Each structure stands twice: as structure tokens, then as C-alpha cells.
């Protein structure tokens, strides 16, 4: 008898995704919605308060974060296994010491 996984709601899925390794589609959608709402907030404040270079810079930073996040997710979905096996993030090199590969004659 196989036990079925209980189906999680959207909020529960986002919370569990934050506590588990990796990212699922619920967290991806949630972060996109939050970042878009943040851009709308900055633009709304820009119209309410008037011209402020600080709000323009904050909106630009948020748009940049949104673009980089979506680019990263696109690249991750293209090749999900590449580059994620190492915990240090540095490329793993094989030892190519020639002295250990010399044949005795």
C-alpha cells in the first residue's frame, strides 16, 4: 500500500520550499510576484512623493534583481545538473601531476 503525499497549498509549498534545498515553481512565482509588486510600489511612491533619485535607484535595483533572478532560473532549467554537484562552487580539477603517470621502462 503506497502512501500518497498530501497535496500542499501555495503558501505551504512556498514555506516548505524555503526550508528545503532547491527551488520549486511556487517559490519562483512567489518571488516574481513580490519583486513586481515592489517595482510597482517604488513607481507609485515616485508619483506620490514626486521626483526622487532614491526611488528611481531603488526601482532600478529591483528591476535588475528581477531580471537576474529570472535569467538564473532560465539557465538552471536549461541544464539542471551542471555545476550544482560541487558544494564549494569551485570547478573540480583532476590531479595532473606528470610524475605519477610516468611509466617505468
C-alpha atoms as a PDB file:
ATOM      1  CA  UNK A   1       0.000   0.000   0.000  1.00  0.00           C
ATOM      2  CA  UNK A   2       1.605   3.201  -1.179  1.00  0.00           C
ATOM      3  CA  UNK A   3       1.155   6.304   0.914  1.00  0.00           C
ATOM      4  CA  UNK A   4       0.304   9.335  -1.161  1.00  0.00           C
ATOM      5  CA  UNK A   5       1.927  12.668  -0.423  1.00  0.00           C
ATOM      6  CA  UNK A   6      -0.625  15.183   0.766  1.00  0.00           C
ATOM      7  CA  UNK A   7      -1.113  17.971  -1.743  1.00  0.00           C
ATOM      8  CA  UNK A   8       0.255  21.247  -0.414  1.00  0.00           C
ATOM      9  CA  UNK A   9      -1.366  24.636  -0.884  1.00  0.00           C
ATOM     10  CA  UNK A  10       0.507  27.537  -2.461  1.00  0.00           C
ATOM     11  CA  UNK A  11       1.580  29.192   0.800  1.00  0.00           C
ATOM     12  CA  UNK A  12       2.542  25.873   2.377  1.00  0.00           C
ATOM     13  CA  UNK A  13       4.541  24.981  -0.735  1.00  0.00           C
ATOM     14  CA  UNK A  14       6.422  28.302  -0.572  1.00  0.00           C
ATOM     15  CA  UNK A  15       7.242  27.822   3.112  1.00  0.00           C
ATOM     16  CA  UNK A  16       8.425  24.238   2.612  1.00  0.00           C
ATOM     17  CA  UNK A  17      10.476  25.295  -0.419  1.00  0.00           C
ATOM     18  CA  UNK A  18      12.247  27.914   1.690  1.00  0.00           C
ATOM     19  CA  UNK A  19      13.166  25.209   4.207  1.00  0.00           C
ATOM     20  CA  UNK A  20      14.220  22.556   1.687  1.00  0.00           C
ATOM     21  CA  UNK A  21      17.180  22.638  -0.710  1.00  0.00           C
ATOM     22  CA  UNK A  22      16.422  23.794  -4.230  1.00  0.00           C
ATOM     23  CA  UNK A  23      13.581  25.867  -5.590  1.00  0.00           C
ATOM     24  CA  UNK A  24      10.173  24.829  -6.868  1.00  0.00           C
ATOM     25  CA  UNK A  25       7.776  26.595  -9.202  1.00  0.00           C
ATOM     26  CA  UNK A  26       5.696  28.007  -6.323  1.00  0.00           C
ATOM     27  CA  UNK A  27       8.675  29.843  -4.878  1.00  0.00           C
ATOM     28  CA  UNK A  28       9.678  31.058  -8.347  1.00  0.00           C
ATOM     29  CA  UNK A  29       6.203  32.520  -8.946  1.00  0.00           C
ATOM     30  CA  UNK A  30       6.091  33.968  -5.422  1.00  0.00           C
ATOM     31  CA  UNK A  31       9.443  35.761  -5.815  1.00  0.00           C
ATOM     32  CA  UNK A  32       8.431  37.140  -9.216  1.00  0.00           C
ATOM     33  CA  UNK A  33       5.149  38.487  -7.813  1.00  0.00           C
ATOM     34  CA  UNK A  34       6.892  40.057  -4.807  1.00  0.00           C
ATOM     35  CA  UNK A  35       9.552  41.734  -6.956  1.00  0.00           C
ATOM     36  CA  UNK A  36       6.989  43.068  -9.457  1.00  0.00           C
ATOM     37  CA  UNK A  37       4.875  44.427  -6.582  1.00  0.00           C
ATOM     38  CA  UNK A  38       7.987  46.079  -5.168  1.00  0.00           C
ATOM     39  CA  UNK A  39       8.646  47.814  -8.501  1.00  0.00           C
ATOM     40  CA  UNK A  40       5.003  48.966  -8.576  1.00  0.00           C
ATOM     41  CA  UNK A  41       5.434  50.293  -5.021  1.00  0.00           C
ATOM     42  CA  UNK A  42       8.559  52.277  -5.967  1.00  0.00           C
ATOM     43  CA  UNK A  43       6.859  53.750  -9.052  1.00  0.00           C
ATOM     44  CA  UNK A  44       3.717  54.561  -7.039  1.00  0.00           C
ATOM     45  CA  UNK A  45       5.798  56.320  -4.400  1.00  0.00           C
ATOM     46  CA  UNK A  46       7.588  58.196  -7.164  1.00  0.00           C
ATOM     47  CA  UNK A  47       4.259  59.644  -8.319  1.00  0.00           C
ATOM     48  CA  UNK A  48       3.014  60.364  -4.783  1.00  0.00           C
ATOM     49  CA  UNK A  49       6.199  61.885  -3.346  1.00  0.00           C
ATOM     50  CA  UNK A  50       7.451  63.471  -6.524  1.00  0.00           C
ATOM     51  CA  UNK A  51      10.818  63.110  -8.215  1.00  0.00           C
ATOM     52  CA  UNK A  52      13.321  61.356  -6.006  1.00  0.00           C
ATOM     53  CA  UNK A  53      16.549  59.911  -7.300  1.00  0.00           C
ATOM     54  CA  UNK A  54      16.495  57.426  -4.416  1.00  0.00           C
ATOM     55  CA  UNK A  55      13.200  55.883  -5.552  1.00  0.00           C
ATOM     56  CA  UNK A  56      14.434  55.669  -9.144  1.00  0.00           C
ATOM     57  CA  UNK A  57      17.610  53.901  -7.996  1.00  0.00           C
ATOM     58  CA  UNK A  58      15.624  51.500  -5.781  1.00  0.00           C
ATOM     59  CA  UNK A  59      13.279  50.694  -8.681  1.00  0.00           C
ATOM     60  CA  UNK A  60      16.269  50.098 -10.966  1.00  0.00           C
ATOM     61  CA  UNK A  61      17.915  47.809  -8.400  1.00  0.00           C
ATOM     62  CA  UNK A  62      14.671  45.852  -8.006  1.00  0.00           C
ATOM     63  CA  UNK A  63      14.261  45.525 -11.786  1.00  0.00           C
ATOM     64  CA  UNK A  64      17.855  44.342 -12.030  1.00  0.00           C
ATOM     65  CA  UNK A  65      17.280  41.763  -9.300  1.00  0.00           C
ATOM     66  CA  UNK A  66      14.136  40.565 -11.069  1.00  0.00           C
ATOM     67  CA  UNK A  67      15.988  40.243 -14.375  1.00  0.00           C
ATOM     68  CA  UNK A  68      18.971  38.415 -12.850  1.00  0.00           C
ATOM     69  CA  UNK A  69      16.718  36.060 -10.888  1.00  0.00           C
ATOM     70  CA  UNK A  70      14.720  35.114 -13.979  1.00  0.00           C
ATOM     71  CA  UNK A  71      17.890  34.736 -16.060  1.00  0.00           C
ATOM     72  CA  UNK A  72      19.365  32.435 -13.398  1.00  0.00           C
ATOM     73  CA  UNK A  73      16.198  30.338 -13.280  1.00  0.00           C
ATOM     74  CA  UNK A  74      16.187  30.054 -17.082  1.00  0.00           C
ATOM     75  CA  UNK A  75      19.812  28.904 -17.089  1.00  0.00           C
ATOM     76  CA  UNK A  76      19.112  26.484 -14.246  1.00  0.00           C
ATOM     77  CA  UNK A  77      16.221  24.913 -16.151  1.00  0.00           C
ATOM     78  CA  UNK A  78      18.349  24.579 -19.300  1.00  0.00           C
ATOM     79  CA  UNK A  79      20.914  22.365 -17.589  1.00  0.00           C
ATOM     80  CA  UNK A  80      19.881  21.480 -14.022  1.00  0.00           C
ATOM     81  CA  UNK A  81      22.723  19.024 -13.317  1.00  0.00           C
ATOM     82  CA  UNK A  82      25.680  21.151 -14.419  1.00  0.00           C
ATOM     83  CA  UNK A  83      27.664  22.967 -11.777  1.00  0.00           C
ATOM     84  CA  UNK A  84      25.497  22.065  -8.805  1.00  0.00           C
ATOM     85  CA  UNK A  85      27.273  18.891  -7.698  1.00  0.00           C
ATOM     86  CA  UNK A  86      30.150  20.698  -6.001  1.00  0.00           C
ATOM     87  CA  UNK A  87      29.460  22.211  -2.611  1.00  0.00           C
ATOM     88  CA  UNK A  88      32.307  24.716  -2.821  1.00  0.00           C
ATOM     89  CA  UNK A  89      31.211  26.186  -6.132  1.00  0.00           C
ATOM     90  CA  UNK A  90      34.746  25.962  -7.495  1.00  0.00           C
ATOM     91  CA  UNK A  91      35.408  23.786 -10.504  1.00  0.00           C
ATOM     92  CA  UNK A  92      36.912  20.453  -9.608  1.00  0.00           C
ATOM     93  CA  UNK A  93      40.255  19.722 -11.250  1.00  0.00           C
ATOM     94  CA  UNK A  94      41.898  16.374 -11.587  1.00  0.00           C
ATOM     95  CA  UNK A  95      45.438  15.991 -10.352  1.00  0.00           C
ATOM     96  CA  UNK A  96      47.582  16.045 -13.479  1.00  0.00           C
ATOM     97  CA  UNK A  97      50.974  15.605 -11.895  1.00  0.00           C
ATOM     98  CA  UNK A  98      53.087  14.084 -14.681  1.00  0.00           C
ATOM     99  CA  UNK A  99      55.463  12.374 -12.272  1.00  0.00           C
ATOM    100  CA  UNK A 100      52.736  10.000 -11.117  1.00  0.00           C
ATOM    101  CA  UNK A 101      51.870   8.997 -14.676  1.00  0.00           C
ATOM    102  CA  UNK A 102      55.397   8.103 -15.839  1.00  0.00           C
ATOM    103  CA  UNK A 103      55.831   4.539 -16.946  1.00  0.00           C
ATOM    104  CA  UNK A 104      58.875   2.627 -15.848  1.00  0.00           C
ATOM    105  CA  UNK A 105      60.864   1.091 -18.653  1.00  0.00           C
END
